[in-house]
Amino acid sequence: KDADGQSINMLGTMQSSSQITDLYFLPDAAYQYITNNSCENMANLRNAYLPDSVVAIGKNGFADDPLLTTINLSDNIKHIHDQAFVNWGVAGQVNIARLPASLMSLGKLTFYQSGPNVTITELPPTLVSIGHSCFMACPNVSVNYFGGPDSALTSVGCQAFYGTAKNAANIAEIRI
């Protein structure tokens, strides 16, 4: 809450804060949006624990955070915007078994060049669009299946999976 006791529903910028290693929110935090560039270039950020109230991560939200290896993405997140995680986790092991269950969109270059240690294996059926170059140059991203009869997917941008473990030409099955 702010000085007047009013609820704050977005996280402002902490860009280039080099001393922060862990980002926690109070249990009653009602942040809905991680704003553009809010946690970008945080050289020592290792862990980010977002509240369940977050529904969107803005452009460059956690970009260029090389040591960030732990971030909880609640199932309430619907949108992860352009370059939100570009160049993150390049110094450690990041494993995202699945993206949020209610996720609707991944922006362009969302995980671009996120290093050899980022692993994502499953995309949710609620996903409507994947931006161009979304997973480009993430050699260990291996999405085995997405789409299907209940899938909302209608758009996959060019080179979305270029340079991944399974380039778009090698994905076993896509159903739209």
Protein backbone atom coordinates (compact mmCIF):
# COMPACT_ATOMS: atom_id res chain seq x y z
CA LYS A 1 0.00 0.00 0.00
CA ASP A 2 1.11 3.53 -0.57
CA ALA A 3 1.55 6.26 2.06
CA ASP A 4 -2.20 7.00 1.94
CA GLY A 5 -3.13 3.36 2.52
CA GLN A 6 -4.29 2.87 -1.08
CA SER A 7 -3.64 -0.45 -2.76
CA ILE A 8 -0.94 -0.52 -5.40
CA ASN A 9 -1.65 -2.93 -8.20
CA MET A 10 1.63 -2.84 -10.10
CA LEU A 11 5.30 -3.17 -9.33
CA GLY A 12 7.30 -0.16 -10.45
CA THR A 13 10.90 -0.13 -11.53
CA MET A 14 13.81 -1.50 -9.58
CA GLN A 15 15.86 -1.59 -12.77
CA SER A 16 19.60 -2.01 -12.32
CA SER A 17 19.35 -2.60 -8.56
CA SER A 18 22.53 -4.57 -8.13
CA GLN A 19 22.20 -5.35 -4.42
CA ILE A 20 18.90 -7.27 -4.51
CA THR A 21 19.25 -11.06 -4.59
CA ASP A 22 15.73 -12.15 -3.59
CA LEU A 23 12.41 -10.52 -4.43
CA TYR A 24 9.50 -11.36 -2.12
CA PHE A 25 6.04 -9.87 -1.77
CA LEU A 26 3.97 -9.54 1.39
CA PRO A 27 1.27 -12.22 1.69
CA ASP A 28 -1.51 -9.67 1.07
CA ALA A 29 0.26 -8.02 -1.88
CA ALA A 30 -2.26 -7.35 -4.62
CA TYR A 31 0.09 -6.57 -7.49
CA GLN A 32 -1.52 -7.42 -10.81
CA TYR A 33 1.17 -6.27 -13.21
CA ILE A 34 4.95 -6.38 -13.24
CA THR A 35 5.56 -3.18 -15.22
CA ASN A 36 7.84 -2.74 -18.22
CA ASN A 37 11.53 -2.87 -17.27
CA SER A 38 10.68 -3.24 -13.57
CA CYS A 39 13.28 -5.88 -12.70
CA GLU A 40 15.58 -5.52 -15.70
CA ASN A 41 19.37 -5.60 -15.32
CA MET A 42 19.36 -6.80 -11.73
CA ALA A 43 22.83 -8.33 -11.77
CA ASN A 44 22.47 -10.31 -8.53
CA LEU A 45 18.78 -11.22 -8.53
CA ARG A 46 18.56 -14.99 -8.02
CA ASN A 47 14.99 -15.60 -6.86
CA ALA A 48 11.66 -13.87 -7.52
CA TYR A 49 8.52 -14.98 -5.73
CA LEU A 50 5.51 -13.34 -7.35
CA PRO A 51 2.12 -13.19 -5.64
CA ASP A 52 -0.79 -15.13 -7.12
CA SER A 53 -2.47 -11.80 -7.92
CA VAL A 54 -0.06 -11.09 -10.82
CA VAL A 55 -1.80 -11.51 -14.20
CA ALA A 56 0.82 -9.97 -16.51
CA ILE A 57 4.57 -9.43 -16.81
CA GLY A 58 5.50 -6.37 -18.84
CA LYS A 59 8.05 -5.85 -21.58
CA ASN A 60 11.60 -6.53 -20.32
CA GLY A 61 10.11 -7.31 -16.89
CA PHE A 62 12.98 -9.64 -15.91
CA ALA A 63 15.29 -9.09 -18.88
CA ASP A 64 19.05 -9.34 -18.52
CA ASP A 65 19.00 -10.93 -15.05
CA PRO A 66 21.79 -13.46 -15.57
CA LEU A 67 21.63 -15.11 -12.13
CA LEU A 68 17.84 -15.40 -11.89
CA THR A 69 17.11 -19.12 -11.71
CA THR A 70 13.97 -19.31 -9.57
CA ILE A 71 10.74 -17.53 -10.39
CA ASN A 72 7.28 -18.76 -9.55
CA LEU A 73 4.79 -18.12 -12.33
CA SER A 74 1.33 -18.50 -10.84
CA ASP A 75 -1.46 -20.03 -12.87
CA ASN A 76 -3.18 -16.61 -12.89
CA ILE A 77 -0.67 -15.08 -15.32
CA LYS A 78 -2.38 -14.48 -18.65
CA HIS A 79 0.17 -12.41 -20.56
CA ILE A 80 3.96 -12.41 -20.68
CA HIS A 81 4.96 -9.49 -22.87
CA ASP A 82 7.82 -8.87 -25.31
CA GLN A 83 11.32 -9.70 -24.11
CA ALA A 84 10.10 -10.30 -20.54
CA PHE A 85 12.79 -12.92 -19.91
CA VAL A 86 15.35 -12.15 -22.62
CA ASN A 87 18.89 -13.10 -21.54
CA TRP A 88 17.85 -14.38 -18.13
CA GLY A 89 19.22 -17.27 -16.15
CA VAL A 90 22.26 -17.63 -18.37
CA ALA A 91 24.45 -18.46 -15.38
CA GLY A 92 22.31 -21.15 -13.75
CA GLN A 93 19.81 -23.97 -14.27
CA VAL A 94 16.25 -22.80 -14.94
CA ASN A 95 13.53 -25.41 -15.30
CA ILE A 96 9.99 -24.43 -16.17
CA ALA A 97 8.12 -27.71 -16.56
CA ARG A 98 5.02 -25.88 -17.68
CA LEU A 99 3.95 -22.32 -18.20
CA PRO A 100 0.96 -20.88 -16.27
CA ALA A 101 -2.30 -22.75 -16.85
CA SER A 102 -4.23 -19.60 -17.84
CA LEU A 103 -1.50 -18.14 -20.07
CA MET A 104 -2.96 -16.60 -23.25
CA SER A 105 -0.03 -14.85 -24.90
CA LEU A 106 3.74 -14.90 -25.13
CA GLY A 107 5.19 -11.78 -26.73
CA LYS A 108 7.94 -11.53 -29.28
CA LEU A 109 11.42 -12.52 -28.11
CA THR A 110 10.01 -13.45 -24.68
CA PHE A 111 12.73 -15.97 -23.81
CA TYR A 112 15.21 -15.01 -26.53
CA GLN A 113 18.80 -16.04 -25.73
CA SER A 114 17.89 -17.23 -22.28
CA GLY A 115 20.86 -19.47 -22.21
CA PRO A 116 21.51 -23.17 -22.48
CA ASN A 117 20.09 -23.89 -19.04
CA VAL A 118 16.45 -22.85 -19.61
CA THR A 119 14.12 -25.81 -20.08
CA ILE A 120 10.43 -25.52 -20.98
CA THR A 121 8.59 -28.67 -21.97
CA GLU A 122 4.85 -27.92 -22.04
CA LEU A 123 2.63 -25.12 -23.30
CA PRO A 124 -0.88 -24.68 -21.85
CA PRO A 125 -4.02 -25.22 -23.99
CA THR A 126 -5.16 -21.66 -23.14
CA LEU A 127 -2.27 -20.18 -25.14
CA VAL A 128 -3.63 -18.16 -28.07
CA SER A 129 -0.45 -16.63 -29.50
CA ILE A 130 3.30 -17.11 -29.48
CA GLY A 131 5.28 -14.10 -30.68
CA HIS A 132 8.02 -14.21 -33.26
CA SER A 133 11.38 -15.51 -32.04
CA CYS A 134 9.79 -16.24 -28.65
CA PHE A 135 12.10 -19.16 -27.81
CA MET A 136 14.83 -18.36 -30.34
CA ALA A 137 18.38 -19.34 -29.32
CA CYS A 138 17.25 -21.37 -26.29
CA PRO A 139 18.94 -24.67 -27.18
CA ASN A 140 17.34 -26.73 -24.40
CA VAL A 141 13.77 -25.62 -24.88
CA SER A 142 12.04 -28.77 -26.01
CA VAL A 143 8.29 -28.37 -26.39
CA ASN A 144 7.05 -31.84 -27.15
CA TYR A 145 3.40 -31.05 -27.69
CA PHE A 146 1.06 -28.15 -27.91
CA GLY A 147 -2.29 -27.60 -29.49
CA GLY A 148 -4.96 -30.26 -29.63
CA PRO A 149 -8.75 -30.31 -29.82
CA ASP A 150 -9.10 -28.02 -26.79
CA SER A 151 -6.33 -25.67 -27.83
CA ALA A 152 -6.91 -21.94 -28.19
CA LEU A 153 -3.70 -21.52 -30.23
CA THR A 154 -4.25 -19.46 -33.39
CA SER A 155 -0.89 -17.78 -34.02
CA VAL A 156 2.76 -18.85 -33.92
CA GLY A 157 5.22 -16.16 -34.99
CA CYS A 158 8.07 -16.72 -37.41
CA GLN A 159 11.17 -18.36 -35.95
CA ALA A 160 9.35 -18.89 -32.65
CA PHE A 161 11.35 -22.07 -32.03
CA TYR A 162 14.45 -21.38 -34.11
CA GLY A 163 17.61 -22.58 -32.41
CA THR A 164 15.78 -24.70 -29.83
CA ALA A 165 16.17 -28.42 -29.17
CA LYS A 166 13.23 -28.94 -31.47
CA ASN A 167 13.03 -26.38 -34.24
CA ALA A 168 9.51 -25.88 -35.58
CA ALA A 169 10.22 -28.38 -38.37
CA ASN A 170 10.99 -31.06 -35.78
CA ILE A 171 8.03 -30.62 -33.43
CA ALA A 172 6.20 -33.90 -33.49
CA GLU A 173 2.63 -32.59 -33.43
CA ILE A 174 0.81 -29.29 -33.72
CA ARG A 175 -2.97 -29.20 -33.80
CA ILE A 176 -4.84 -25.96 -34.45
